[in-house]
Structure formats: C-alpha cells, structure tokens
Amino acid sequence: MKTNPETMSWTAPTTNVDGTDITYAMEYEVGLQESGVFTPLMTIPGQLQDGGRYTAPIADLALDYGEHSIALRTFAKEDPARKSAWSESVEFVLSAEIPSAPLDLRVT
C-alpha cells in the first residue's frame, strides 16, 4: 500500500457503456470508501489532462491521516445525473510518521 502519495492519475474513457463514442464534456467524481460504500467526496474538472492522462493532487482531497480507499466515476458535465459506475478502488495511507533520514553517513 502506497504511503503519502502526491497525485492520483487516470485515463479518460472514450466510449459510453453501449460502445458509442463519447462526444460530450466530462467531469470526474472522487469517492471515499466508508463501510464498503463509496461516498462522493469532490468533483474534478475534465480539463486537467496532462499528456493523455488526467492528474490531480491528493492534497486537494483534504483527508485526515490514516488508511483510505478511493475510486472515481465519470459524469456528463451538462447532465450530472448521467454517471458511470465507480472505477476500481485504490488504497493508500496518509501518515505524519515518516522517519528522519539516517545521520552521520560516512565512507572510508
């Protein structure tokens, strides 16, 4: 499990569930898993694309320290009720308990 990740990234879908091309603007919703259910946490605008992949800072999620499981879903910007299923989830840990670097390194 990754500790203190800085960004999340994903590739946008290019087709609808019926196989037709997506021809409309999309946005993304981050869900936080709580008791086995994903609860919407925040929306990410679709224009955050960087070199074919979308990225967003984990810090924007404003999560407390601890273990977290998140997933994404896509929705039509002009019709937010048209939402995809949740993606596969990813798990990570946010921790302030990171050890300091070793001291007094020498070579002889």
N, C-alpha and C. Protein backbone atom coordinates (compact mmCIF):
# COMPACT_ATOMS: atom_id res chain seq x y z
N MET A 1 0.86 -1.17 0.00
CA MET A 1 0.00 0.00 0.00
C MET A 1 0.91 1.23 0.00
N LYS A 2 0.63 2.16 -0.87
CA LYS A 2 1.42 3.38 -1.01
C LYS A 2 1.21 4.29 0.20
N THR A 3 2.31 4.87 0.69
CA THR A 3 2.25 5.82 1.80
C THR A 3 2.52 7.21 1.28
N ASN A 4 1.69 8.15 1.66
CA ASN A 4 1.78 9.57 1.31
C ASN A 4 1.95 9.83 -0.18
N PRO A 5 1.02 9.31 -1.01
CA PRO A 5 1.10 9.62 -2.44
C PRO A 5 0.83 11.10 -2.67
N GLU A 6 1.38 11.64 -3.75
CA GLU A 6 1.21 13.06 -4.04
C GLU A 6 0.10 13.32 -5.06
N THR A 7 -0.06 12.42 -6.02
CA THR A 7 -1.07 12.65 -7.06
C THR A 7 -1.82 11.36 -7.35
N MET A 8 -2.99 11.53 -7.92
CA MET A 8 -3.72 10.41 -8.49
C MET A 8 -3.81 10.69 -9.99
N SER A 9 -3.82 9.65 -10.80
CA SER A 9 -3.91 9.84 -12.24
C SER A 9 -4.77 8.74 -12.85
N TRP A 10 -5.36 9.05 -14.01
CA TRP A 10 -6.24 8.09 -14.68
C TRP A 10 -6.35 8.47 -16.14
N THR A 11 -6.86 7.54 -16.92
CA THR A 11 -7.12 7.75 -18.34
C THR A 11 -8.63 7.87 -18.52
N ALA A 12 -9.04 8.86 -19.28
CA ALA A 12 -10.47 9.08 -19.51
C ALA A 12 -11.06 7.99 -20.40
N PRO A 13 -12.31 7.62 -20.16
CA PRO A 13 -12.96 6.68 -21.07
C PRO A 13 -13.22 7.39 -22.41
N THR A 14 -13.27 6.62 -23.47
CA THR A 14 -13.54 7.20 -24.79
C THR A 14 -14.87 6.74 -25.36
N THR A 15 -15.50 5.77 -24.69
CA THR A 15 -16.79 5.27 -25.16
C THR A 15 -17.80 5.21 -24.03
N ASN A 16 -19.06 5.24 -24.42
CA ASN A 16 -20.17 5.03 -23.49
C ASN A 16 -20.32 3.53 -23.26
N VAL A 17 -21.15 3.15 -22.29
CA VAL A 17 -21.33 1.73 -21.99
C VAL A 17 -21.95 0.97 -23.17
N ASP A 18 -22.64 1.66 -24.08
CA ASP A 18 -23.22 0.99 -25.25
C ASP A 18 -22.23 0.90 -26.42
N GLY A 19 -20.99 1.36 -26.21
CA GLY A 19 -19.95 1.27 -27.24
C GLY A 19 -19.83 2.49 -28.14
N THR A 20 -20.76 3.44 -28.04
CA THR A 20 -20.68 4.64 -28.87
C THR A 20 -19.63 5.59 -28.31
N ASP A 21 -19.09 6.44 -29.19
CA ASP A 21 -18.07 7.39 -28.77
C ASP A 21 -18.62 8.45 -27.83
N ILE A 22 -17.79 8.87 -26.89
CA ILE A 22 -18.17 9.99 -26.02
C ILE A 22 -17.93 11.27 -26.79
N THR A 23 -18.97 12.08 -26.92
CA THR A 23 -18.90 13.32 -27.70
C THR A 23 -19.25 14.54 -26.85
N TYR A 24 -19.19 14.43 -25.56
CA TYR A 24 -19.59 15.50 -24.65
C TYR A 24 -18.50 15.69 -23.60
N ALA A 25 -18.54 16.84 -22.95
CA ALA A 25 -17.57 17.15 -21.90
C ALA A 25 -17.88 16.31 -20.66
N MET A 26 -16.80 15.85 -20.01
CA MET A 26 -16.95 15.03 -18.82
C MET A 26 -16.26 15.68 -17.62
N GLU A 27 -16.70 15.27 -16.47
CA GLU A 27 -16.03 15.61 -15.21
C GLU A 27 -15.93 14.31 -14.42
N TYR A 28 -15.21 14.38 -13.31
CA TYR A 28 -14.93 13.19 -12.52
C TYR A 28 -15.32 13.45 -11.07
N GLU A 29 -15.76 12.40 -10.42
CA GLU A 29 -16.13 12.48 -9.01
C GLU A 29 -15.28 11.49 -8.24
N VAL A 30 -14.65 11.95 -7.19
CA VAL A 30 -13.86 11.09 -6.31
C VAL A 30 -14.77 10.59 -5.21
N GLY A 31 -14.72 9.31 -4.98
CA GLY A 31 -15.50 8.71 -3.90
C GLY A 31 -14.58 8.12 -2.85
N LEU A 32 -14.92 8.31 -1.60
CA LEU A 32 -14.18 7.75 -0.48
C LEU A 32 -14.97 6.57 0.07
N GLN A 33 -14.31 5.43 0.21
CA GLN A 33 -15.00 4.25 0.70
C GLN A 33 -15.13 4.30 2.21
N GLU A 34 -16.35 4.16 2.66
CA GLU A 34 -16.67 4.13 4.08
C GLU A 34 -17.67 3.02 4.31
N SER A 35 -17.32 2.05 5.12
CA SER A 35 -18.19 0.91 5.42
C SER A 35 -18.60 0.17 4.14
N GLY A 36 -17.67 0.05 3.20
CA GLY A 36 -17.92 -0.70 1.98
C GLY A 36 -18.67 0.04 0.90
N VAL A 37 -19.01 1.30 1.13
CA VAL A 37 -19.77 2.10 0.16
C VAL A 37 -18.97 3.34 -0.18
N PHE A 38 -18.96 3.72 -1.47
CA PHE A 38 -18.26 4.94 -1.87
C PHE A 38 -19.19 6.14 -1.71
N THR A 39 -18.69 7.14 -0.99
CA THR A 39 -19.41 8.38 -0.76
C THR A 39 -18.71 9.48 -1.56
N PRO A 40 -19.46 10.22 -2.40
CA PRO A 40 -18.82 11.30 -3.17
C PRO A 40 -18.10 12.29 -2.26
N LEU A 41 -16.85 12.60 -2.64
CA LEU A 41 -16.00 13.48 -1.85
C LEU A 41 -15.79 14.82 -2.53
N MET A 42 -15.51 14.80 -3.83
CA MET A 42 -15.29 16.05 -4.56
C MET A 42 -15.38 15.79 -6.06
N THR A 43 -15.56 16.87 -6.81
CA THR A 43 -15.60 16.82 -8.27
C THR A 43 -14.30 17.37 -8.83
N ILE A 44 -13.81 16.73 -9.88
CA ILE A 44 -12.59 17.17 -10.56
C ILE A 44 -12.96 17.55 -11.98
N PRO A 45 -12.65 18.78 -12.41
CA PRO A 45 -12.97 19.19 -13.78
C PRO A 45 -12.24 18.34 -14.81
N GLY A 46 -12.86 18.16 -15.97
CA GLY A 46 -12.28 17.33 -17.02
C GLY A 46 -11.08 17.92 -17.71
N GLN A 47 -10.80 19.20 -17.58
CA GLN A 47 -9.70 19.81 -18.33
C GLN A 47 -8.33 19.63 -17.69
N LEU A 48 -8.20 18.83 -16.67
CA LEU A 48 -6.91 18.65 -16.00
C LEU A 48 -6.03 17.62 -16.69
N GLN A 49 -6.19 17.44 -17.99
CA GLN A 49 -5.43 16.42 -18.71
C GLN A 49 -3.98 16.84 -18.89
N ASP A 50 -3.08 15.88 -18.73
CA ASP A 50 -1.66 16.14 -18.86
C ASP A 50 -1.02 14.98 -19.63
N GLY A 51 -0.73 15.21 -20.91
CA GLY A 51 -0.08 14.19 -21.70
C GLY A 51 -0.88 12.91 -21.87
N GLY A 52 -2.18 13.01 -22.02
CA GLY A 52 -3.01 11.83 -22.21
C GLY A 52 -3.57 11.23 -20.94
N ARG A 53 -3.04 11.63 -19.81
CA ARG A 53 -3.56 11.16 -18.52
C ARG A 53 -4.02 12.37 -17.71
N TYR A 54 -5.04 12.13 -16.95
CA TYR A 54 -5.51 13.16 -16.04
C TYR A 54 -4.78 13.00 -14.72
N THR A 55 -4.46 14.11 -14.08
CA THR A 55 -3.82 14.06 -12.77
C THR A 55 -4.48 15.07 -11.85
N ALA A 56 -4.45 14.77 -10.58
CA ALA A 56 -4.97 15.69 -9.56
C ALA A 56 -4.20 15.43 -8.27
N PRO A 57 -3.92 16.49 -7.51
CA PRO A 57 -3.19 16.33 -6.26
C PRO A 57 -4.02 15.63 -5.19
N ILE A 58 -3.42 14.70 -4.49
CA ILE A 58 -4.08 14.03 -3.36
C ILE A 58 -4.41 15.05 -2.27
N ALA A 59 -3.57 16.07 -2.11
CA ALA A 59 -3.80 17.07 -1.06
C ALA A 59 -5.15 17.76 -1.22
N ASP A 60 -5.65 17.87 -2.47
CA ASP A 60 -6.94 18.50 -2.70
C ASP A 60 -8.10 17.74 -2.07
N LEU A 61 -7.88 16.47 -1.74
CA LEU A 61 -8.94 15.66 -1.13
C LEU A 61 -9.16 16.01 0.35
N ALA A 62 -8.20 16.69 0.96
CA ALA A 62 -8.31 17.14 2.36
C ALA A 62 -8.68 15.98 3.30
N LEU A 63 -7.94 14.89 3.18
CA LEU A 63 -8.18 13.72 4.02
C LEU A 63 -7.35 13.77 5.30
N ASP A 64 -7.84 13.15 6.35
CA ASP A 64 -7.10 13.02 7.59
C ASP A 64 -6.04 11.93 7.44
N TYR A 65 -5.12 11.87 8.39
CA TYR A 65 -4.14 10.78 8.41
C TYR A 65 -4.86 9.46 8.59
N GLY A 66 -4.32 8.42 7.98
CA GLY A 66 -4.90 7.09 8.10
C GLY A 66 -4.96 6.40 6.76
N GLU A 67 -5.60 5.22 6.74
CA GLU A 67 -5.77 4.45 5.52
C GLU A 67 -7.02 4.91 4.78
N HIS A 68 -6.91 4.98 3.46
CA HIS A 68 -8.03 5.44 2.64
C HIS A 68 -8.17 4.56 1.41
N SER A 69 -9.39 4.44 0.94
CA SER A 69 -9.70 3.75 -0.30
C SER A 69 -10.58 4.69 -1.12
N ILE A 70 -10.12 5.02 -2.34
CA ILE A 70 -10.87 5.93 -3.19
C ILE A 70 -11.14 5.28 -4.54
N ALA A 71 -12.13 5.82 -5.24
CA ALA A 71 -12.45 5.41 -6.60
C ALA A 71 -12.94 6.64 -7.34
N LEU A 72 -13.01 6.53 -8.66
CA LEU A 72 -13.52 7.63 -9.50
C LEU A 72 -14.72 7.16 -10.30
N ARG A 73 -15.56 8.11 -10.65
CA ARG A 73 -16.58 7.85 -11.66
C ARG A 73 -16.68 9.07 -12.55
N THR A 74 -17.12 8.83 -13.77
CA THR A 74 -17.24 9.87 -14.78
C THR A 74 -18.70 10.29 -14.87
N PHE A 75 -18.90 11.58 -15.16
CA PHE A 75 -20.27 12.01 -15.44
C PHE A 75 -20.26 13.08 -16.52
N ALA A 76 -21.38 13.22 -17.20
CA ALA A 76 -21.53 14.22 -18.25
C ALA A 76 -21.64 15.60 -17.60
N LYS A 77 -20.78 16.52 -18.02
CA LYS A 77 -20.76 17.85 -17.41
C LYS A 77 -22.12 18.54 -17.51
N GLU A 78 -22.77 18.42 -18.65
CA GLU A 78 -24.05 19.09 -18.85
C GLU A 78 -25.24 18.33 -18.26
N ASP A 79 -25.03 17.09 -17.87
CA ASP A 79 -26.10 16.28 -17.29
C ASP A 79 -25.51 15.39 -16.20
N PRO A 80 -25.22 15.97 -15.02
CA PRO A 80 -24.54 15.23 -13.94
C PRO A 80 -25.24 13.96 -13.48
N ALA A 81 -26.51 13.78 -13.82
CA ALA A 81 -27.21 12.56 -13.43
C ALA A 81 -26.72 11.36 -14.24
N ARG A 82 -26.06 11.60 -15.38
CA ARG A 82 -25.52 10.51 -16.21
C ARG A 82 -24.13 10.15 -15.70
N LYS A 83 -24.07 9.25 -14.73
CA LYS A 83 -22.81 8.87 -14.07
C LYS A 83 -22.45 7.43 -14.39
N SER A 84 -21.14 7.21 -14.51
CA SER A 84 -20.64 5.85 -14.70
C SER A 84 -20.68 5.10 -13.37
N ALA A 85 -20.34 3.83 -13.45
CA ALA A 85 -20.09 3.06 -12.23
C ALA A 85 -18.77 3.55 -11.64
N TRP A 86 -18.49 3.21 -10.40
CA TRP A 86 -17.21 3.55 -9.77
C TRP A 86 -16.10 2.73 -10.41
N SER A 87 -14.93 3.32 -10.55
CA SER A 87 -13.75 2.60 -11.03
C SER A 87 -13.29 1.60 -9.97
N GLU A 88 -12.27 0.84 -10.32
CA GLU A 88 -11.63 0.03 -9.29
C GLU A 88 -11.05 0.97 -8.25
N SER A 89 -11.02 0.54 -7.02
CA SER A 89 -10.52 1.40 -5.95
C SER A 89 -9.01 1.28 -5.82
N VAL A 90 -8.42 2.29 -5.24
CA VAL A 90 -7.01 2.27 -4.87
C VAL A 90 -6.92 2.61 -3.38
N GLU A 91 -5.95 1.99 -2.73
CA GLU A 91 -5.77 2.21 -1.30
C GLU A 91 -4.42 2.87 -1.05
N PHE A 92 -4.40 3.73 -0.06
CA PHE A 92 -3.16 4.40 0.31
C PHE A 92 -3.25 4.85 1.76
N VAL A 93 -2.10 5.25 2.30
CA VAL A 93 -2.02 5.70 3.69
C VAL A 93 -1.46 7.12 3.70
N LEU A 94 -2.08 7.97 4.48
CA LEU A 94 -1.52 9.29 4.76
C LEU A 94 -0.99 9.25 6.18
N SER A 95 0.29 9.56 6.33
CA SER A 95 0.92 9.41 7.63
C SER A 95 1.90 10.55 7.89
N ALA A 96 1.91 11.03 9.12
CA ALA A 96 2.91 12.00 9.55
C ALA A 96 4.10 11.28 10.15
N GLU A 97 3.97 9.97 10.34
CA GLU A 97 5.01 9.18 10.99
C GLU A 97 6.00 8.65 9.96
N ILE A 98 6.76 9.54 9.38
CA ILE A 98 7.80 9.19 8.42
C ILE A 98 9.14 9.37 9.14
N PRO A 99 9.99 8.36 9.15
CA PRO A 99 11.25 8.51 9.88
C PRO A 99 12.16 9.53 9.22
N SER A 100 13.00 10.12 10.02
CA SER A 100 14.01 11.04 9.51
C SER A 100 15.08 10.26 8.77
N ALA A 101 15.84 10.95 7.95
CA ALA A 101 16.93 10.32 7.21
C ALA A 101 18.03 9.86 8.17
N PRO A 102 18.80 8.85 7.77
CA PRO A 102 19.93 8.41 8.60
C PRO A 102 20.92 9.55 8.82
N LEU A 103 21.61 9.50 9.96
CA LEU A 103 22.57 10.54 10.32
C LEU A 103 24.00 10.04 10.19
N ASP A 104 24.89 10.96 10.01
CA ASP A 104 26.33 10.71 10.09
C ASP A 104 26.81 9.63 9.11
N LEU A 105 26.31 9.70 7.86
CA LEU A 105 26.76 8.76 6.83
C LEU A 105 28.20 9.08 6.46
N ARG A 106 29.02 8.04 6.37
CA ARG A 106 30.43 8.23 6.02
C ARG A 106 30.88 7.13 5.08
N VAL A 107 31.89 7.41 4.32
CA VAL A 107 32.59 6.39 3.57
C VAL A 107 34.05 6.45 3.98
N THR A 108 34.68 5.31 4.05
CA THR A 108 36.09 5.29 4.46
C THR A 108 36.91 4.44 3.51
